Each structure stands twice: as C-alpha cells, then as structure tokens.
Amino acid sequence: MDKLTITGLEGGSSGVTVAVHFNPKEISIAKSVPWQKQPTVGPGDLEFSSAEPQTMSFELMFDGFEAGASIQGEIDKLQQLSDIDPSLRRPPKVKIAWGNEGAAGTMPPFEAVVESMGIKYTMFDANGRPLRATVAMGFKQARKLKVVQLR
C-alpha cells in the first residue's frame, strides 16, 4: 500500500521526506472564491475580485509503540518543513503526494507551504521518549513565493 509523503522542495529541506506511518483517514481541501457586491448596482450583482489558493488539512498518527522506537525523528522532520530556512528567509515549499503520481484516479500532488502544525504526544516510554503522537497539519497552495522585506 502506498503511503502519503510530504517532501521538502527547496533550500536545506530539499529532499527531506516524511512517509507517514498510517495514511490519513480523511483529507480536506478547500478553496474560497471571493465575490464583492458591485457598487451602485442591484443586490445580486457581483464582481469577481481574485481567487484564493486552495488549502489542505489532515491528521497524521505516528506510532512506534510496537517496535519500542521513538517517533521524535519523524516529528522533527515535519517541524523542519515548517521552520524558516535561513537561505530562503522563509519556510520551504513542500509537495504532498499519495500513490503513483500521474496514474489515473490518484489524488494529484499538492504543492504548498505548511500553514499550521499541532502535535499531540499520546504515549511515552519509561524514559520519556515519545512513542505515539497525532499531528494535525494545514497547508496553503503555493506557486510563486516571495519574502516581504521589513525595514
């Protein structure tokens, strides 16, 4: 069975890949298409202003209990994909893929940036090493990225 992967595409995270322990049971993809009321026209007259990027979210479970192995290494990789890369001066772009890319009927790869990440550790060994965790991930579709220069 193919596993969902999250791969860094640039900077120091280029090639860093997290293959999930368990595929998510559900993935949410949302897109907002904002419309504005036209000034000085009727109430149902709308004007298209711009398109928003898609967002994707899912929850992942990492479990090293059976093997007695810490899952912290996988969590660290996910955090690396959401941290600011010094060479880029922003977090890197990532690709979420599941299945054989381009094969008929598979979910298309999603290029994005990490927008949110919440980690909930749920089991530890006697030495405090994390053996099980749930990670809620949120992504925002990204094509061209730039860094705003602060003065």
N, C-alpha and C. Protein backbone atom coordinates (compact mmCIF):
# COMPACT_ATOMS: atom_id res chain seq x y z
N MET A 1 0.84 -1.17 0.00
CA MET A 1 0.00 0.00 0.00
C MET A 1 0.89 1.24 0.00
N ASP A 2 0.57 2.19 -0.88
CA ASP A 2 1.32 3.44 -0.95
C ASP A 2 1.05 4.29 0.28
N LYS A 3 2.08 4.98 0.74
CA LYS A 3 1.97 5.87 1.88
C LYS A 3 2.01 7.32 1.41
N LEU A 4 1.24 8.16 2.07
CA LEU A 4 1.29 9.58 1.79
C LEU A 4 2.66 10.09 2.21
N THR A 5 3.25 10.96 1.38
CA THR A 5 4.55 11.53 1.70
C THR A 5 4.46 13.06 1.65
N ILE A 6 5.29 13.68 2.46
CA ILE A 6 5.45 15.13 2.46
C ILE A 6 6.94 15.36 2.24
N THR A 7 7.28 16.07 1.14
CA THR A 7 8.67 16.24 0.75
C THR A 7 9.02 17.71 0.60
N GLY A 8 10.15 18.11 1.18
CA GLY A 8 10.66 19.47 1.00
C GLY A 8 11.17 19.65 -0.41
N LEU A 9 10.88 20.80 -1.02
CA LEU A 9 11.25 21.03 -2.41
C LEU A 9 12.38 22.03 -2.61
N GLU A 10 12.80 22.72 -1.55
CA GLU A 10 13.82 23.76 -1.76
C GLU A 10 14.61 24.02 -0.49
N GLY A 11 15.71 24.77 -0.64
CA GLY A 11 16.55 25.13 0.49
C GLY A 11 17.16 23.92 1.16
N GLY A 12 17.46 24.06 2.44
CA GLY A 12 18.06 22.97 3.21
C GLY A 12 17.13 21.80 3.42
N SER A 13 15.85 22.00 3.14
CA SER A 13 14.86 20.91 3.29
C SER A 13 14.62 20.16 2.00
N SER A 14 15.32 20.53 0.95
CA SER A 14 15.12 19.86 -0.34
C SER A 14 15.42 18.37 -0.19
N GLY A 15 14.45 17.55 -0.52
CA GLY A 15 14.61 16.11 -0.44
C GLY A 15 14.26 15.51 0.91
N VAL A 16 14.05 16.33 1.95
CA VAL A 16 13.62 15.79 3.24
C VAL A 16 12.21 15.25 3.05
N THR A 17 12.03 13.97 3.32
CA THR A 17 10.74 13.32 3.09
C THR A 17 10.25 12.63 4.35
N VAL A 18 8.96 12.86 4.64
CA VAL A 18 8.30 12.16 5.72
C VAL A 18 7.27 11.23 5.09
N ALA A 19 7.46 9.93 5.27
CA ALA A 19 6.47 8.94 4.84
C ALA A 19 5.66 8.61 6.08
N VAL A 20 4.37 8.83 6.02
CA VAL A 20 3.54 8.66 7.21
C VAL A 20 3.48 7.21 7.64
N HIS A 21 3.28 6.98 8.94
CA HIS A 21 3.11 5.62 9.45
C HIS A 21 1.77 5.04 9.02
N PHE A 22 0.73 5.88 9.13
CA PHE A 22 -0.63 5.47 8.75
C PHE A 22 -1.20 6.55 7.84
N ASN A 23 -1.76 6.15 6.71
CA ASN A 23 -2.39 7.13 5.82
C ASN A 23 -3.55 7.81 6.53
N PRO A 24 -3.78 9.09 6.23
CA PRO A 24 -4.90 9.78 6.89
C PRO A 24 -6.22 9.15 6.49
N LYS A 25 -7.18 9.16 7.43
CA LYS A 25 -8.49 8.60 7.11
C LYS A 25 -9.32 9.59 6.31
N GLU A 26 -8.98 10.88 6.38
CA GLU A 26 -9.67 11.87 5.56
C GLU A 26 -8.73 13.05 5.30
N ILE A 27 -8.93 13.68 4.16
CA ILE A 27 -8.17 14.86 3.76
C ILE A 27 -9.19 15.91 3.35
N SER A 28 -9.02 17.12 3.86
CA SER A 28 -9.91 18.21 3.49
C SER A 28 -9.17 19.17 2.57
N ILE A 29 -9.81 19.51 1.45
CA ILE A 29 -9.28 20.52 0.53
C ILE A 29 -10.37 21.57 0.37
N ALA A 30 -9.99 22.82 0.56
CA ALA A 30 -10.97 23.91 0.47
C ALA A 30 -10.42 25.02 -0.42
N LYS A 31 -11.33 25.72 -1.07
CA LYS A 31 -10.95 26.86 -1.90
C LYS A 31 -12.03 27.93 -1.76
N SER A 32 -11.59 29.15 -1.54
CA SER A 32 -12.51 30.28 -1.43
C SER A 32 -12.42 31.10 -2.71
N VAL A 33 -13.57 31.46 -3.23
CA VAL A 33 -13.63 32.32 -4.42
C VAL A 33 -14.42 33.57 -4.02
N PRO A 34 -13.70 34.63 -3.62
CA PRO A 34 -14.39 35.81 -3.11
C PRO A 34 -15.06 36.63 -4.21
N TRP A 35 -16.25 37.06 -3.92
CA TRP A 35 -17.02 37.94 -4.80
C TRP A 35 -17.39 39.18 -3.99
N GLN A 36 -17.48 40.30 -4.66
CA GLN A 36 -17.88 41.54 -4.00
C GLN A 36 -19.11 42.10 -4.68
N LYS A 37 -19.91 42.78 -3.89
CA LYS A 37 -21.09 43.44 -4.42
C LYS A 37 -20.62 44.61 -5.29
N GLN A 38 -21.22 44.75 -6.47
CA GLN A 38 -20.88 45.87 -7.34
C GLN A 38 -21.45 47.16 -6.75
N PRO A 39 -20.64 48.21 -6.72
CA PRO A 39 -21.16 49.47 -6.18
C PRO A 39 -22.24 50.05 -7.09
N THR A 40 -23.24 50.63 -6.50
CA THR A 40 -24.35 51.31 -7.17
C THR A 40 -25.12 50.43 -8.15
N VAL A 41 -25.21 49.16 -7.88
CA VAL A 41 -25.98 48.24 -8.72
C VAL A 41 -26.89 47.43 -7.79
N GLY A 42 -27.70 46.56 -8.34
CA GLY A 42 -28.65 45.79 -7.55
C GLY A 42 -27.99 44.83 -6.57
N PRO A 43 -28.77 44.28 -5.62
CA PRO A 43 -28.22 43.44 -4.56
C PRO A 43 -27.62 42.13 -5.05
N GLY A 44 -28.02 41.58 -6.18
CA GLY A 44 -27.48 40.32 -6.66
C GLY A 44 -26.39 40.50 -7.71
N ASP A 45 -25.97 41.74 -7.94
CA ASP A 45 -24.94 41.99 -8.95
C ASP A 45 -23.57 41.91 -8.29
N LEU A 46 -22.78 40.96 -8.75
CA LEU A 46 -21.50 40.68 -8.11
C LEU A 46 -20.34 40.92 -9.06
N GLU A 47 -19.17 41.09 -8.45
CA GLU A 47 -17.96 41.35 -9.20
C GLU A 47 -16.87 40.42 -8.65
N PHE A 48 -16.18 39.74 -9.54
CA PHE A 48 -15.09 38.85 -9.14
C PHE A 48 -13.87 39.70 -8.83
N SER A 49 -13.24 39.44 -7.67
CA SER A 49 -12.07 40.24 -7.30
C SER A 49 -10.76 39.47 -7.47
N SER A 50 -10.68 38.28 -6.93
CA SER A 50 -9.46 37.48 -7.06
C SER A 50 -9.75 36.07 -6.55
N ALA A 51 -8.85 35.15 -6.85
CA ALA A 51 -9.01 33.78 -6.37
C ALA A 51 -8.04 33.54 -5.22
N GLU A 52 -8.47 32.80 -4.25
CA GLU A 52 -7.63 32.43 -3.11
C GLU A 52 -7.00 31.07 -3.40
N PRO A 53 -5.80 30.80 -2.83
CA PRO A 53 -5.21 29.48 -3.02
C PRO A 53 -6.00 28.41 -2.25
N GLN A 54 -5.88 27.18 -2.72
CA GLN A 54 -6.52 26.07 -2.02
C GLN A 54 -5.80 25.81 -0.70
N THR A 55 -6.51 25.24 0.24
CA THR A 55 -5.90 24.80 1.48
C THR A 55 -6.16 23.30 1.64
N MET A 56 -5.26 22.63 2.31
CA MET A 56 -5.39 21.20 2.56
C MET A 56 -5.12 20.96 4.04
N SER A 57 -5.89 20.06 4.64
CA SER A 57 -5.62 19.71 6.03
C SER A 57 -5.91 18.23 6.26
N PHE A 58 -5.16 17.66 7.18
CA PHE A 58 -5.37 16.28 7.58
C PHE A 58 -4.67 16.03 8.90
N GLU A 59 -4.96 14.89 9.49
CA GLU A 59 -4.35 14.49 10.75
C GLU A 59 -3.56 13.22 10.52
N LEU A 60 -2.35 13.17 11.07
CA LEU A 60 -1.47 12.01 10.92
C LEU A 60 -1.22 11.38 12.28
N MET A 61 -1.06 10.07 12.27
CA MET A 61 -0.71 9.36 13.51
C MET A 61 0.63 8.66 13.30
N PHE A 62 1.51 8.86 14.26
CA PHE A 62 2.81 8.19 14.25
C PHE A 62 2.85 7.28 15.47
N ASP A 63 3.25 6.02 15.25
CA ASP A 63 3.21 5.03 16.33
C ASP A 63 4.45 4.16 16.29
N GLY A 64 5.28 4.28 17.32
CA GLY A 64 6.47 3.44 17.44
C GLY A 64 6.38 2.49 18.62
N PHE A 65 5.17 2.34 19.19
CA PHE A 65 4.99 1.54 20.40
C PHE A 65 5.41 0.08 20.21
N GLU A 66 4.90 -0.56 19.17
CA GLU A 66 5.19 -1.99 18.95
C GLU A 66 6.68 -2.25 18.83
N ALA A 67 7.39 -1.35 18.14
CA ALA A 67 8.83 -1.51 17.95
C ALA A 67 9.63 -0.93 19.11
N GLY A 68 8.97 -0.20 20.00
CA GLY A 68 9.67 0.46 21.10
C GLY A 68 10.56 1.58 20.60
N ALA A 69 10.18 2.18 19.46
CA ALA A 69 11.00 3.21 18.83
C ALA A 69 10.38 4.59 18.98
N SER A 70 11.23 5.56 19.26
CA SER A 70 10.77 6.94 19.37
C SER A 70 10.30 7.44 18.00
N ILE A 71 9.24 8.24 17.99
CA ILE A 71 8.74 8.83 16.74
C ILE A 71 9.22 10.28 16.60
N GLN A 72 10.09 10.72 17.53
CA GLN A 72 10.52 12.13 17.52
C GLN A 72 11.26 12.50 16.24
N GLY A 73 11.99 11.59 15.64
CA GLY A 73 12.71 11.88 14.39
C GLY A 73 11.77 12.31 13.28
N GLU A 74 10.63 11.62 13.17
CA GLU A 74 9.64 11.98 12.14
C GLU A 74 9.00 13.34 12.44
N ILE A 75 8.73 13.59 13.72
CA ILE A 75 8.16 14.88 14.13
C ILE A 75 9.16 16.00 13.83
N ASP A 76 10.45 15.75 14.10
CA ASP A 76 11.48 16.75 13.81
C ASP A 76 11.53 17.10 12.33
N LYS A 77 11.38 16.09 11.46
CA LYS A 77 11.37 16.35 10.02
C LYS A 77 10.19 17.23 9.63
N LEU A 78 9.01 16.94 10.19
CA LEU A 78 7.84 17.78 9.91
C LEU A 78 8.08 19.21 10.37
N GLN A 79 8.70 19.36 11.55
CA GLN A 79 8.99 20.70 12.04
C GLN A 79 9.99 21.41 11.15
N GLN A 80 10.97 20.69 10.61
CA GLN A 80 11.94 21.29 9.69
C GLN A 80 11.23 21.86 8.46
N LEU A 81 10.19 21.16 8.00
CA LEU A 81 9.45 21.62 6.82
C LEU A 81 8.57 22.84 7.11
N SER A 82 8.39 23.18 8.38
CA SER A 82 7.61 24.37 8.73
C SER A 82 8.47 25.49 9.29
N ASP A 83 9.76 25.23 9.53
CA ASP A 83 10.66 26.25 10.08
C ASP A 83 11.20 27.16 8.99
N ILE A 84 11.65 28.34 9.39
CA ILE A 84 12.26 29.28 8.44
C ILE A 84 13.62 28.75 8.02
N ASP A 85 13.82 28.62 6.72
CA ASP A 85 15.09 28.20 6.16
C ASP A 85 15.96 29.45 6.01
N PRO A 86 17.16 29.47 6.60
CA PRO A 86 17.99 30.68 6.54
C PRO A 86 18.33 31.14 5.11
N SER A 87 18.55 30.19 4.21
CA SER A 87 18.90 30.57 2.83
C SER A 87 17.71 31.15 2.07
N LEU A 88 16.50 30.71 2.40
CA LEU A 88 15.29 31.19 1.72
C LEU A 88 14.67 32.39 2.44
N ARG A 89 14.97 32.50 3.75
CA ARG A 89 14.37 33.51 4.64
C ARG A 89 12.86 33.32 4.77
N ARG A 90 12.42 32.07 4.65
CA ARG A 90 11.01 31.69 4.79
C ARG A 90 10.97 30.16 4.88
N PRO A 91 9.85 29.60 5.29
CA PRO A 91 9.73 28.13 5.26
C PRO A 91 9.74 27.63 3.80
N PRO A 92 10.18 26.41 3.58
CA PRO A 92 10.25 25.88 2.22
C PRO A 92 8.90 25.45 1.67
N LYS A 93 8.84 25.36 0.36
CA LYS A 93 7.68 24.77 -0.30
C LYS A 93 7.79 23.26 -0.16
N VAL A 94 6.64 22.59 -0.04
CA VAL A 94 6.60 21.14 0.09
C VAL A 94 5.65 20.54 -0.94
N LYS A 95 5.79 19.24 -1.13
CA LYS A 95 4.85 18.52 -2.01
C LYS A 95 4.24 17.39 -1.21
N ILE A 96 2.90 17.33 -1.24
CA ILE A 96 2.17 16.23 -0.61
C ILE A 96 1.73 15.31 -1.74
N ALA A 97 2.11 14.05 -1.65
CA ALA A 97 1.76 13.10 -2.71
C ALA A 97 1.31 11.78 -2.07
N TRP A 98 0.41 11.12 -2.78
CA TRP A 98 -0.09 9.83 -2.30
C TRP A 98 -0.38 8.98 -3.52
N GLY A 99 0.30 7.89 -3.65
CA GLY A 99 0.09 7.00 -4.79
C GLY A 99 1.05 7.32 -5.93
N ASN A 100 0.85 6.63 -7.02
CA ASN A 100 1.70 6.76 -8.20
C ASN A 100 1.33 8.05 -8.94
N GLU A 101 2.24 9.04 -8.88
CA GLU A 101 1.96 10.34 -9.50
C GLU A 101 1.59 10.19 -10.96
N GLY A 102 0.51 10.82 -11.34
CA GLY A 102 0.08 10.80 -12.73
C GLY A 102 -0.78 9.62 -13.12
N ALA A 103 -0.90 8.62 -12.26
CA ALA A 103 -1.73 7.46 -12.57
C ALA A 103 -3.20 7.86 -12.52
N ALA A 104 -3.98 7.29 -13.39
CA ALA A 104 -5.40 7.61 -13.45
C ALA A 104 -6.08 7.34 -12.12
N GLY A 105 -6.88 8.27 -11.67
CA GLY A 105 -7.67 8.09 -10.47
C GLY A 105 -6.96 8.41 -9.17
N THR A 106 -5.67 8.77 -9.21
CA THR A 106 -4.97 9.09 -7.97
C THR A 106 -5.10 10.57 -7.65
N MET A 107 -4.96 10.90 -6.39
CA MET A 107 -5.02 12.29 -5.97
C MET A 107 -3.81 13.02 -6.55
N PRO A 108 -4.02 14.18 -7.21
CA PRO A 108 -2.87 14.90 -7.77
C PRO A 108 -1.97 15.43 -6.65
N PRO A 109 -0.66 15.54 -6.93
CA PRO A 109 0.23 16.09 -5.90
C PRO A 109 -0.17 17.54 -5.59
N PHE A 110 0.10 17.97 -4.39
CA PHE A 110 -0.30 19.29 -3.90
C PHE A 110 0.96 20.02 -3.46
N GLU A 111 1.33 21.08 -4.18
CA GLU A 111 2.50 21.88 -3.81
C GLU A 111 2.01 23.03 -2.94
N ALA A 112 2.66 23.18 -1.78
CA ALA A 112 2.14 24.11 -0.78
C ALA A 112 3.24 24.53 0.18
N VAL A 113 2.84 25.35 1.14
CA VAL A 113 3.67 25.66 2.31
C VAL A 113 2.89 25.21 3.54
N VAL A 114 3.62 24.86 4.59
CA VAL A 114 2.96 24.49 5.83
C VAL A 114 2.36 25.76 6.43
N GLU A 115 1.08 25.70 6.72
CA GLU A 115 0.39 26.85 7.31
C GLU A 115 0.17 26.66 8.81
N SER A 116 0.00 25.41 9.22
CA SER A 116 -0.17 25.13 10.65
C SER A 116 0.23 23.70 10.96
N MET A 117 0.63 23.49 12.21
CA MET A 117 1.02 22.16 12.65
C MET A 117 0.79 22.07 14.16
N GLY A 118 0.02 21.10 14.59
CA GLY A 118 -0.22 20.89 16.01
C GLY A 118 0.12 19.46 16.38
N ILE A 119 0.97 19.30 17.37
CA ILE A 119 1.45 17.98 17.78
C ILE A 119 0.83 17.61 19.13
N LYS A 120 0.29 16.41 19.22
CA LYS A 120 -0.25 15.91 20.48
C LYS A 120 0.42 14.57 20.76
N TYR A 121 1.34 14.57 21.73
CA TYR A 121 2.01 13.34 22.14
C TYR A 121 1.05 12.55 23.02
N THR A 122 0.89 11.26 22.71
CA THR A 122 -0.11 10.46 23.42
C THR A 122 0.45 9.23 24.15
N MET A 123 1.75 8.92 23.95
CA MET A 123 2.34 7.78 24.66
C MET A 123 3.85 7.97 24.74
N PHE A 124 4.41 7.57 25.90
CA PHE A 124 5.84 7.69 26.14
C PHE A 124 6.38 6.40 26.73
N ASP A 125 7.69 6.16 26.57
CA ASP A 125 8.28 5.01 27.25
C ASP A 125 8.70 5.44 28.66
N ALA A 126 9.30 4.54 29.42
CA ALA A 126 9.67 4.82 30.82
C ALA A 126 10.69 5.95 30.93
N ASN A 127 11.45 6.20 29.86
CA ASN A 127 12.45 7.26 29.86
C ASN A 127 11.94 8.58 29.30
N GLY A 128 10.65 8.64 28.96
CA GLY A 128 10.07 9.87 28.45
C GLY A 128 10.18 10.06 26.95
N ARG A 129 10.68 9.05 26.24
CA ARG A 129 10.77 9.15 24.78
C ARG A 129 9.37 8.99 24.19
N PRO A 130 8.96 9.88 23.26
CA PRO A 130 7.62 9.77 22.68
C PRO A 130 7.51 8.56 21.75
N LEU A 131 6.49 7.74 21.98
CA LEU A 131 6.26 6.55 21.17
C LEU A 131 5.05 6.71 20.25
N ARG A 132 4.18 7.64 20.57
CA ARG A 132 2.97 7.82 19.76
C ARG A 132 2.59 9.29 19.77
N ALA A 133 2.16 9.79 18.61
CA ALA A 133 1.73 11.19 18.50
C ALA A 133 0.74 11.33 17.36
N THR A 134 -0.11 12.32 17.50
CA THR A 134 -1.03 12.72 16.45
C THR A 134 -0.62 14.13 16.03
N VAL A 135 -0.52 14.36 14.72
CA VAL A 135 -0.10 15.67 14.20
C VAL A 135 -1.18 16.18 13.25
N ALA A 136 -1.75 17.34 13.58
CA ALA A 136 -2.72 18.00 12.70
C ALA A 136 -1.94 18.96 11.81
N MET A 137 -2.08 18.80 10.50
CA MET A 137 -1.33 19.61 9.53
C MET A 137 -2.28 20.45 8.69
N GLY A 138 -1.86 21.68 8.40
CA GLY A 138 -2.59 22.54 7.49
C GLY A 138 -1.62 23.11 6.47
N PHE A 139 -2.02 23.14 5.21
CA PHE A 139 -1.16 23.60 4.12
C PHE A 139 -1.90 24.63 3.28
N LYS A 140 -1.13 25.55 2.66
CA LYS A 140 -1.70 26.52 1.73
C LYS A 140 -0.97 26.36 0.40
N GLN A 141 -1.75 26.19 -0.67
CA GLN A 141 -1.21 26.01 -2.02
C GLN A 141 -0.25 27.15 -2.34
N ALA A 142 0.88 26.82 -2.96
CA ALA A 142 1.89 27.83 -3.26
C ALA A 142 2.51 27.58 -4.62
N ARG A 143 2.59 28.61 -5.41
CA ARG A 143 3.30 28.53 -6.69
C ARG A 143 4.55 29.40 -6.63
N LYS A 144 4.37 30.71 -6.67
CA LYS A 144 5.49 31.64 -6.55
C LYS A 144 5.48 32.20 -5.13
N LEU A 145 6.64 32.21 -4.51
CA LEU A 145 6.75 32.70 -3.13
C LEU A 145 7.73 33.86 -3.09
N LYS A 146 7.46 34.81 -2.22
CA LYS A 146 8.42 35.89 -2.02
C LYS A 146 8.44 36.25 -0.55
N VAL A 147 9.51 36.93 -0.16
CA VAL A 147 9.69 37.36 1.22
C VAL A 147 9.47 38.87 1.26
N VAL A 148 8.65 39.32 2.17
CA VAL A 148 8.44 40.76 2.35
C VAL A 148 9.62 41.30 3.12
N GLN A 149 10.24 42.34 2.57
CA GLN A 149 11.38 42.97 3.23
C GLN A 149 10.89 43.91 4.32
N LEU A 150 11.33 43.68 5.54
CA LEU A 150 10.98 44.56 6.65
C LEU A 150 12.03 45.66 6.76
N ARG A 151 11.58 46.85 7.07
CA ARG A 151 12.54 47.97 7.20
C ARG A 151 12.89 48.21 8.62
